[in-house]
Amino acid sequence: MTMHTNTSRTERVVTYGLLGLFALIALTPVAGIISTALADQSSLDTGFSTPERLNWTNFADAWTRGHFGTYLFSSVLVAVAVVALTTVLATLAGYAFGTMRFPGSTTLFYLFVLGLTLPQEAVIAPLYFDLRYLGLTDTYGGLILPQTAQSLAFGVFWMRMYFRNTPRSLLDAARIDGAGHWAAFTRILVPMGRPAFSTLTVIVFMWTWNEFLMALVMVSDEAHRTVPLGLAFFQGQHASDSALLSAAAVLIALPVVVVYLILQRSFIQGMLTGSMKE
């Protein structure tokens, strides 16, 4: 018994030590960017040099000079629309694939999964010409629709896994009580699926918020630029001002951090649930 306790204690120490080491490695670049963002704009120091005083005005200057207010509006609009459409469509499709059996269901599901294997670079050129023909370039629709389609491949796969892992006894009990597919879906499975929905929301929001290539190809006017594209243009104009660039990078990354902090418990629970075998 003592040997087992000592072994368990040693394992915990080693585990926490490794986790602390990996956390330190992951947070080191973040600390360097924040340190640079708070440095004096005239300073040439980058990385982990401690600034003599904290220059919080760098964030205001970066926001004003980079027109990030306009870009932030575009990114929020696109991200919210993509997350909402992906969540609704993926949930409906995932429920159908996970709980129903109909002709061609397996083939159709694997067509969705095939979307996970297609690199964006392989479809971006024909997609541009198709959207230009439809008059959707330089519009929010030209950013929302393709990114929703890209996210659906993972979304359908993820939600199908959640619905397949749901105990069949719940559905059987609901059918005995006279509930149809729609009632079982809306009253039982959807309220239970908060962790799965939160995980999908965080992942799709992060993908959409950080999307650069799609915005670069589909948008040429400043009014529809998203924040990653705006940061690229801002970098071209202030390539030598590391403090302003770092401040702009922190501003852009902040919404993703906020969304994760709000949904972190459900996100982690959904990831743990999703890792279970069917």
Protein backbone atom coordinates (compact mmCIF):
# COMPACT_ATOMS: atom_id res chain seq x y z
CA MET A 1 0.00 0.00 0.00
CA THR A 2 2.84 2.37 0.86
CA MET A 3 4.67 1.59 -2.36
CA HIS A 4 1.49 2.28 -4.34
CA THR A 5 1.01 5.62 -2.57
CA ASN A 6 4.62 6.67 -3.17
CA THR A 7 4.36 5.69 -6.80
CA SER A 8 1.15 7.69 -7.22
CA ARG A 9 2.68 10.70 -5.50
CA THR A 10 5.77 10.50 -7.72
CA GLU A 11 3.59 10.24 -10.81
CA ARG A 12 1.65 13.32 -9.79
CA VAL A 13 4.83 15.30 -9.19
CA VAL A 14 6.23 14.27 -12.57
CA THR A 15 2.92 14.99 -14.30
CA TYR A 16 2.56 18.45 -12.79
CA GLY A 17 6.21 19.17 -13.51
CA LEU A 18 5.81 18.27 -17.18
CA LEU A 19 2.58 20.27 -17.43
CA GLY A 20 4.28 23.26 -15.83
CA LEU A 21 7.20 22.97 -18.24
CA PHE A 22 4.94 22.81 -21.28
CA ALA A 23 2.87 25.73 -19.96
CA LEU A 24 6.04 27.77 -19.52
CA ILE A 25 7.15 26.96 -23.08
CA ALA A 26 3.72 27.91 -24.44
CA LEU A 27 3.50 31.17 -22.48
CA THR A 28 7.05 32.35 -23.21
CA PRO A 29 6.25 33.86 -26.65
CA VAL A 30 3.10 35.46 -25.21
CA ALA A 31 5.12 37.11 -22.46
CA GLY A 32 7.61 38.40 -25.03
CA ILE A 33 4.87 39.95 -27.18
CA ILE A 34 3.19 41.61 -24.19
CA SER A 35 6.54 42.93 -22.96
CA THR A 36 7.27 44.42 -26.39
CA ALA A 37 3.74 45.85 -26.64
CA LEU A 38 4.28 47.81 -23.41
CA ALA A 39 7.71 49.16 -24.38
CA ASP A 40 8.43 52.67 -25.64
CA GLN A 41 7.72 53.13 -29.34
CA SER A 42 11.18 54.56 -29.90
CA SER A 43 12.81 51.54 -28.28
CA LEU A 44 14.43 48.92 -30.47
CA ASP A 45 14.29 46.25 -27.77
CA THR A 46 12.14 43.20 -28.46
CA GLY A 47 11.42 40.01 -26.59
CA PHE A 48 11.85 39.87 -22.82
CA SER A 49 13.52 43.18 -22.01
CA THR A 50 11.67 44.86 -19.15
CA PRO A 51 10.36 48.29 -20.23
CA GLU A 52 11.28 51.24 -18.05
CA ARG A 53 7.63 52.24 -17.89
CA LEU A 54 4.42 50.64 -19.13
CA ASN A 55 3.20 52.42 -22.26
CA TRP A 56 -0.48 51.52 -22.39
CA THR A 57 -0.96 54.20 -25.04
CA ASN A 58 0.57 51.80 -27.57
CA PHE A 59 -2.72 49.93 -27.71
CA ALA A 60 -4.71 53.10 -28.36
CA ASP A 61 -2.22 54.24 -31.02
CA ALA A 62 -2.30 50.86 -32.76
CA TRP A 63 -6.11 50.83 -32.65
CA THR A 64 -6.35 54.32 -34.15
CA ARG A 65 -3.59 54.10 -36.75
CA GLY A 66 -4.53 50.63 -37.92
CA HIS A 67 -8.30 51.34 -38.22
CA PHE A 68 -8.91 48.18 -36.22
CA GLY A 69 -12.37 49.36 -35.19
CA THR A 70 -13.62 48.78 -38.75
CA TYR A 71 -11.73 45.51 -39.08
CA LEU A 72 -13.00 44.31 -35.72
CA PHE A 73 -16.60 44.91 -36.77
CA SER A 74 -16.04 42.86 -39.93
CA SER A 75 -14.36 40.03 -38.02
CA VAL A 76 -17.06 39.90 -35.34
CA LEU A 77 -19.83 39.88 -37.95
CA VAL A 78 -18.20 37.14 -40.00
CA ALA A 79 -17.20 35.03 -36.99
CA VAL A 80 -20.62 35.19 -35.34
CA ALA A 81 -22.39 34.35 -38.60
CA VAL A 82 -20.06 31.43 -39.38
CA VAL A 83 -20.31 30.03 -35.85
CA ALA A 84 -24.11 30.32 -35.83
CA LEU A 85 -24.59 28.75 -39.26
CA THR A 86 -22.05 25.99 -38.64
CA THR A 87 -23.50 25.10 -35.23
CA VAL A 88 -27.09 24.91 -36.48
CA LEU A 89 -26.34 23.01 -39.70
CA ALA A 90 -23.77 20.69 -38.12
CA THR A 91 -26.11 19.88 -35.24
CA LEU A 92 -28.98 18.98 -37.56
CA ALA A 93 -26.75 16.92 -39.85
CA GLY A 94 -24.93 15.30 -36.92
CA TYR A 95 -28.24 14.26 -35.37
CA ALA A 96 -29.37 12.70 -38.64
CA PHE A 97 -26.11 10.80 -39.17
CA GLY A 98 -25.80 9.81 -35.52
CA THR A 99 -29.31 8.56 -34.75
CA MET A 100 -31.02 7.78 -38.07
CA ARG A 101 -30.46 5.18 -40.74
CA PHE A 102 -31.44 6.14 -44.27
CA PRO A 103 -30.24 5.13 -47.76
CA GLY A 104 -26.86 6.65 -48.57
CA SER A 105 -26.24 7.95 -45.06
CA THR A 106 -22.79 6.38 -44.78
CA THR A 107 -21.69 7.61 -48.21
CA LEU A 108 -23.00 11.11 -47.55
CA PHE A 109 -21.26 11.26 -44.17
CA TYR A 110 -17.92 10.28 -45.67
CA LEU A 111 -18.37 12.99 -48.29
CA PHE A 112 -18.51 15.46 -45.39
CA VAL A 113 -15.43 13.86 -43.82
CA LEU A 114 -13.64 14.18 -47.17
CA GLY A 115 -13.79 17.93 -46.65
CA LEU A 116 -11.34 17.56 -43.76
CA THR A 117 -8.68 16.28 -46.18
CA LEU A 118 -8.98 19.04 -48.79
CA PRO A 119 -6.39 21.81 -48.37
CA GLN A 120 -7.77 25.30 -48.68
CA GLU A 121 -5.09 26.24 -51.19
CA ALA A 122 -6.43 23.64 -53.62
CA VAL A 123 -9.90 25.20 -53.87
CA ILE A 124 -9.27 28.90 -53.25
CA ALA A 125 -8.70 29.81 -56.93
CA PRO A 126 -11.82 28.16 -58.43
CA LEU A 127 -13.81 29.35 -55.42
CA TYR A 128 -12.77 32.93 -56.13
CA PHE A 129 -13.96 32.76 -59.75
CA ASP A 130 -17.25 31.16 -58.70
CA LEU A 131 -17.92 33.84 -56.11
CA ARG A 132 -16.88 36.61 -58.49
CA TYR A 133 -19.35 35.25 -61.05
CA LEU A 134 -22.06 35.37 -58.39
CA GLY A 135 -21.06 38.89 -57.36
CA LEU A 136 -20.06 37.86 -53.84
CA THR A 137 -16.47 39.10 -53.78
CA ASP A 138 -15.94 42.17 -51.58
CA THR A 139 -19.03 41.23 -49.60
CA TYR A 140 -19.56 39.63 -46.23
CA GLY A 141 -21.32 36.76 -47.96
CA GLY A 142 -18.11 35.97 -49.81
CA LEU A 143 -16.41 35.49 -46.44
CA ILE A 144 -19.22 33.83 -44.49
CA LEU A 145 -20.42 31.19 -46.94
CA PRO A 146 -17.04 29.59 -47.84
CA GLN A 147 -15.87 29.53 -44.22
CA THR A 148 -19.16 27.98 -43.13
CA ALA A 149 -18.71 25.27 -45.75
CA GLN A 150 -15.12 24.70 -44.57
CA SER A 151 -16.17 24.41 -40.93
CA LEU A 152 -19.10 22.07 -41.66
CA ALA A 153 -16.80 19.14 -42.43
CA PHE A 154 -15.45 19.14 -38.89
CA GLY A 155 -18.74 20.26 -37.36
CA VAL A 156 -20.74 17.37 -38.81
CA PHE A 157 -18.04 14.89 -37.78
CA TRP A 158 -17.94 16.29 -34.23
CA MET A 159 -21.69 16.47 -33.66
CA ARG A 160 -22.29 13.00 -35.13
CA MET A 161 -19.81 11.65 -32.61
CA TYR A 162 -21.68 13.39 -29.78
CA PHE A 163 -25.07 12.05 -30.85
CA ARG A 164 -23.71 8.53 -31.32
CA ASN A 165 -22.22 8.60 -27.81
CA THR A 166 -25.59 9.61 -26.32
CA PRO A 167 -27.18 6.70 -24.41
CA ARG A 168 -29.74 4.98 -26.59
CA SER A 169 -31.94 4.49 -23.53
CA LEU A 170 -32.75 8.21 -23.54
CA LEU A 171 -34.06 8.08 -27.09
CA ASP A 172 -35.94 4.85 -26.42
CA ALA A 173 -37.58 6.38 -23.34
CA ALA A 174 -38.52 9.47 -25.31
CA ARG A 175 -40.10 7.38 -28.07
CA ILE A 176 -42.05 5.36 -25.48
CA ASP A 177 -43.39 8.67 -24.14
CA GLY A 178 -44.52 9.54 -27.65
CA ALA A 179 -41.78 11.97 -28.59
CA GLY A 180 -40.78 12.07 -32.22
CA HIS A 181 -37.35 12.86 -33.66
CA TRP A 182 -37.83 16.62 -33.41
CA ALA A 183 -39.07 16.53 -29.80
CA ALA A 184 -36.25 14.22 -28.72
CA PHE A 185 -33.75 16.43 -30.53
CA THR A 186 -34.88 19.78 -29.12
CA ARG A 187 -36.00 18.75 -25.61
CA ILE A 188 -33.43 16.10 -24.68
CA LEU A 189 -30.30 15.97 -26.80
CA VAL A 190 -29.75 19.67 -27.45
CA PRO A 191 -29.97 20.71 -23.75
CA MET A 192 -27.59 17.86 -22.87
CA GLY A 193 -25.11 18.84 -25.57
CA ARG A 194 -23.80 22.09 -24.13
CA PRO A 195 -20.18 20.82 -23.80
CA ALA A 196 -20.17 19.60 -27.41
CA PHE A 197 -21.67 22.88 -28.64
CA SER A 198 -19.18 24.93 -26.61
CA THR A 199 -16.24 22.99 -28.01
CA LEU A 200 -17.51 23.42 -31.56
CA THR A 201 -18.13 27.13 -30.94
CA VAL A 202 -14.62 27.79 -29.62
CA ILE A 203 -12.89 25.85 -32.41
CA VAL A 204 -14.92 27.36 -35.26
CA PHE A 205 -14.64 30.86 -33.79
CA MET A 206 -10.87 30.50 -33.53
CA TRP A 207 -10.58 29.21 -37.11
CA THR A 208 -12.79 31.98 -38.48
CA TRP A 209 -11.18 34.76 -36.46
CA ASN A 210 -7.67 33.79 -37.58
CA GLU A 211 -8.58 33.15 -41.23
CA PHE A 212 -6.25 35.10 -43.50
CA LEU A 213 -6.09 33.52 -46.96
CA MET A 214 -9.83 33.61 -47.60
CA ALA A 215 -10.04 37.29 -46.66
CA LEU A 216 -6.94 38.12 -48.69
CA VAL A 217 -8.36 36.56 -51.86
CA MET A 218 -12.04 37.49 -51.53
CA VAL A 219 -11.69 41.05 -50.22
CA SER A 220 -9.96 43.97 -51.90
CA ASP A 221 -11.72 46.95 -50.27
CA GLU A 222 -10.88 48.19 -46.80
CA ALA A 223 -14.50 48.19 -45.60
CA HIS A 224 -14.66 44.38 -45.54
CA ARG A 225 -11.17 43.60 -44.24
CA THR A 226 -10.95 41.36 -41.20
CA VAL A 227 -8.43 41.87 -38.40
CA PRO A 228 -5.78 39.35 -39.63
CA LEU A 229 -5.80 41.02 -43.04
CA GLY A 230 -5.75 44.46 -41.41
CA LEU A 231 -2.76 43.42 -39.30
CA ALA A 232 -0.88 42.39 -42.45
CA PHE A 233 -1.40 45.83 -44.00
CA PHE A 234 -0.56 47.49 -40.68
CA GLN A 235 2.68 45.51 -40.54
CA GLY A 236 3.62 46.75 -44.00
CA GLN A 237 3.17 50.34 -42.86
CA HIS A 238 4.91 50.00 -39.46
CA ALA A 239 7.44 47.25 -40.09
CA SER A 240 10.09 48.89 -37.90
CA ASP A 241 7.80 49.76 -34.97
CA SER A 242 7.79 46.54 -32.95
CA ALA A 243 5.88 48.07 -30.03
CA LEU A 244 2.90 49.05 -32.18
CA LEU A 245 2.93 45.72 -34.04
CA SER A 246 2.96 43.79 -30.78
CA ALA A 247 0.16 45.92 -29.36
CA ALA A 248 -1.93 45.29 -32.49
CA ALA A 249 -1.26 41.55 -32.25
CA VAL A 250 -2.42 41.51 -28.62
CA LEU A 251 -5.61 43.38 -29.54
CA ILE A 252 -6.38 40.87 -32.29
CA ALA A 253 -5.74 37.81 -30.12
CA LEU A 254 -7.74 39.13 -27.16
CA PRO A 255 -11.27 38.18 -28.42
CA VAL A 256 -10.25 34.53 -28.89
CA VAL A 257 -8.84 34.45 -25.35
CA VAL A 258 -12.03 35.99 -23.96
CA VAL A 259 -14.27 33.47 -25.75
CA TYR A 260 -12.15 30.60 -24.51
CA LEU A 261 -12.15 31.86 -20.91
CA ILE A 262 -15.93 32.17 -20.96
CA LEU A 263 -16.47 28.67 -22.38
CA GLN A 264 -13.40 26.91 -21.00
CA ARG A 265 -15.18 24.51 -18.64
CA SER A 266 -17.66 23.36 -21.25
CA PHE A 267 -14.89 23.29 -23.86
CA ILE A 268 -12.69 20.98 -21.77
CA GLN A 269 -15.64 18.79 -20.85
CA GLY A 270 -16.62 18.53 -24.50
CA MET A 271 -13.08 17.61 -25.52
CA LEU A 272 -12.93 14.88 -22.88
CA THR A 273 -16.34 13.56 -23.90
CA GLY A 274 -15.40 13.69 -27.56
CA SER A 275 -12.25 11.68 -26.96
CA MET A 276 -14.30 8.69 -25.77
CA LYS A 277 -14.65 5.81 -28.16
CA GLU A 278 -18.00 5.23 -29.74
